[in-house]
Structures are given as C-alpha cells and as structure tokens.
Amino acid sequence: MNVGNCPRCGRLYSKSLAKFCPQCVEEDDKMYEAVYRFVRDNPSSSIDQVHEATEVPKERILQFLREGRIDVAEWVAAEYPCERCGRDITKGRYCERCAEELKSSLRSLAAELKTGRDKSGSGYHIDERSKLRI
C-alpha cells in the first residue's frame, strides 16, 4: 500500500491518483463549487470580489484559473499575473512572451544536450578542459 502525508495538511493518506488526502480534495471541491457558482452569476466580477464573496483564498482562485477548471470565457474580468513576469493574463500560467522565452530556452538546452553526446550516442562527452590536472 502506497501511503504518504498530504502536502496541504500533513495528514497521512493512501496515495492513489489524488495529490491530496480525501478531506483536502473535498474541501477543494467545495471551494471550486463556490467560486464557480459566484462567477457564473457574476461574470464581470474581479478576483478580489470573488474572494470577498466566497471567502476562498485568492491563491486558490488563481490555481483554479491556471488549471483551467474555471472557463475564462464565462468570466469576463478574469485577469491574473503571469507566474514569471507578473503581467496580467487570462489563461494558463505564463504570458505569451514568457512562454516563448521558456520554449526558446528549452529548445536551446535540448540542442546543447544533443550535441554534447559522444559519438556512440550512449553518453555525454567530457571536455578536456574540464578534467582535473595533476
């Protein structure tokens, strides 16, 4: 049996597909339901207004948006900060500019790793300059 501590509350629970214990999942579902209902009835509300009306922490509301659990097409005023630069966005975790920069960095790193392999393709080449001289 695979058991562990819930990363949110610390309770011991049986790990399965859920990231959190059953109590935290239930609490999360209740918060989501409260936010969803409020946004459905008040599509032009801000995140602050949703927080005040539902008492759901702002970070949890942002998490619902980033996960795509709340459809921003239904929530006209749903803007929240990019996780990297802080620019206001309406979907995902990063603004378009940051997403492109991250993709470019990953492509560059992948190319470096690919060219750094030895000729057999089974390992990595160690540059002569990096060897310790005695």
Protein backbone atom coordinates (compact mmCIF):
# COMPACT_ATOMS: atom_id res chain seq x y z
CA MET A 1 0.00 0.00 0.00
CA ASN A 2 1.41 3.37 -1.01
CA VAL A 3 0.88 5.91 1.80
CA GLY A 4 2.17 9.40 2.38
CA ASN A 5 1.49 12.71 4.01
CA CYS A 6 -0.86 15.16 2.33
CA PRO A 7 1.22 18.08 1.03
CA ARG A 8 -1.52 20.51 2.03
CA CYS A 9 -2.50 19.47 5.56
CA GLY A 10 0.06 16.83 6.54
CA ARG A 11 -2.47 14.06 7.23
CA LEU A 12 -1.47 10.50 6.41
CA TYR A 13 -3.45 9.12 3.46
CA SER A 14 -3.41 6.32 0.93
CA LYS A 15 -1.86 7.70 -2.24
CA SER A 16 -3.70 6.91 -5.40
CA LEU A 17 -4.33 9.23 -8.30
CA ALA A 18 -5.17 12.13 -5.97
CA LYS A 19 -2.44 14.58 -4.99
CA PHE A 20 -4.09 15.30 -1.65
CA CYS A 21 -5.93 13.46 1.12
CA PRO A 22 -9.71 12.93 0.74
CA GLN A 23 -10.52 15.72 3.22
CA CYS A 24 -8.44 18.28 1.29
CA VAL A 25 -9.92 17.11 -2.02
CA GLU A 26 -13.43 17.55 -0.60
CA GLU A 27 -12.54 21.00 0.76
CA ASP A 28 -11.04 21.96 -2.62
CA ASP A 29 -14.18 20.79 -4.44
CA LYS A 30 -16.37 22.89 -2.13
CA MET A 31 -14.21 25.96 -2.75
CA TYR A 32 -14.31 25.36 -6.50
CA GLU A 33 -18.08 24.99 -6.44
CA ALA A 34 -18.48 28.27 -4.51
CA VAL A 35 -16.21 30.14 -6.94
CA TYR A 36 -17.84 28.59 -9.99
CA ARG A 37 -21.36 29.50 -8.85
CA PHE A 38 -20.39 33.07 -7.99
CA VAL A 39 -18.58 33.59 -11.31
CA ARG A 40 -21.47 32.06 -13.24
CA ASP A 41 -23.89 34.52 -11.63
CA ASN A 42 -21.44 37.47 -11.64
CA PRO A 43 -19.26 37.17 -14.78
CA SER A 44 -17.92 40.73 -14.57
CA SER A 45 -16.59 40.37 -11.02
CA SER A 46 -12.89 40.73 -10.17
CA ILE A 47 -10.80 38.18 -8.35
CA ASP A 48 -10.96 40.37 -5.25
CA GLN A 49 -14.77 40.43 -5.42
CA VAL A 50 -14.92 36.65 -5.82
CA HIS A 51 -12.57 36.25 -2.86
CA GLU A 52 -14.67 38.55 -0.67
CA ALA A 53 -17.97 36.92 -1.62
CA THR A 54 -16.85 33.29 -1.37
CA GLU A 55 -14.09 33.56 1.26
CA VAL A 56 -11.96 31.32 -0.96
CA PRO A 57 -8.28 32.37 -0.78
CA LYS A 58 -7.10 34.34 -3.82
CA GLU A 59 -4.29 31.87 -4.46
CA ARG A 60 -6.80 29.01 -4.69
CA ILE A 61 -8.93 31.03 -7.14
CA LEU A 62 -5.81 31.66 -9.24
CA GLN A 63 -5.00 27.96 -9.08
CA PHE A 64 -8.45 27.11 -10.45
CA LEU A 65 -7.85 29.53 -13.33
CA ARG A 66 -4.35 28.23 -14.09
CA GLU A 67 -5.57 24.63 -14.05
CA GLY A 68 -8.36 25.56 -16.47
CA ARG A 69 -11.06 24.42 -14.03
CA ILE A 70 -12.82 27.76 -14.44
CA ASP A 71 -13.52 28.74 -18.01
CA VAL A 72 -12.34 32.30 -18.56
CA ALA A 73 -14.80 32.64 -21.44
CA GLU A 74 -17.53 32.72 -18.79
CA TRP A 75 -15.60 35.10 -16.53
CA VAL A 76 -15.14 38.40 -18.34
CA ALA A 77 -12.92 40.09 -15.75
CA ALA A 78 -10.64 37.12 -15.05
CA GLU A 79 -7.14 38.54 -15.16
CA TYR A 80 -4.30 37.30 -13.03
CA PRO A 81 -0.50 37.67 -13.04
CA CYS A 82 1.92 35.67 -15.18
CA GLU A 83 3.93 33.43 -12.84
CA ARG A 84 7.18 34.65 -14.36
CA CYS A 85 6.89 38.39 -15.03
CA GLY A 86 3.63 39.44 -13.34
CA ARG A 87 1.93 40.77 -16.50
CA ASP A 88 -1.85 40.29 -16.48
CA ILE A 89 -3.04 37.21 -18.41
CA THR A 90 -6.37 35.46 -18.91
CA LYS A 91 -5.29 31.84 -19.41
CA GLY A 92 -2.53 29.44 -18.49
CA ARG A 93 0.42 30.16 -16.23
CA TYR A 94 2.58 32.41 -18.42
CA CYS A 95 2.06 35.35 -20.76
CA GLU A 96 2.83 34.78 -24.46
CA ARG A 97 6.23 36.47 -24.25
CA CYS A 98 7.39 34.43 -21.26
CA ALA A 99 6.02 31.22 -22.78
CA GLU A 100 8.02 31.88 -25.97
CA GLU A 101 11.17 32.68 -23.98
CA LEU A 102 10.79 29.46 -22.00
CA LYS A 103 10.23 27.42 -25.17
CA SER A 104 13.29 29.01 -26.76
CA SER A 105 15.40 28.25 -23.70
CA LEU A 106 14.24 24.64 -23.68
CA ARG A 107 14.98 24.25 -27.41
CA SER A 108 18.45 25.70 -26.87
CA LEU A 109 19.11 23.39 -23.92
CA ALA A 110 17.87 20.37 -25.88
CA ALA A 111 20.20 21.27 -28.77
CA GLU A 112 23.13 21.63 -26.35
CA LEU A 113 22.41 18.25 -24.81
CA LYS A 114 22.06 16.65 -28.22
CA THR A 115 25.41 17.99 -29.46
CA GLY A 116 27.08 17.15 -26.14
CA ARG A 117 26.57 13.40 -26.55
CA ASP A 118 29.51 11.25 -27.52
CA LYS A 119 29.72 9.62 -30.95
CA SER A 120 28.08 6.38 -29.84
CA GLY A 121 25.08 8.30 -28.55
CA SER A 122 25.15 6.41 -25.27
CA GLY A 123 26.66 9.08 -23.02
CA TYR A 124 27.99 12.59 -22.77
CA HIS A 125 31.36 13.95 -23.85
CA ILE A 126 33.57 15.45 -21.15
CA ASP A 127 35.57 18.34 -22.47
CA GLU A 128 39.33 18.04 -21.97
CA ARG A 129 39.39 21.46 -20.31
CA SER A 130 37.15 20.24 -17.50
CA LYS A 131 39.45 17.36 -16.49
CA LEU A 132 41.44 17.80 -13.31
CA ARG A 133 45.15 18.28 -13.96
CA ILE A 134 47.62 16.74 -11.57
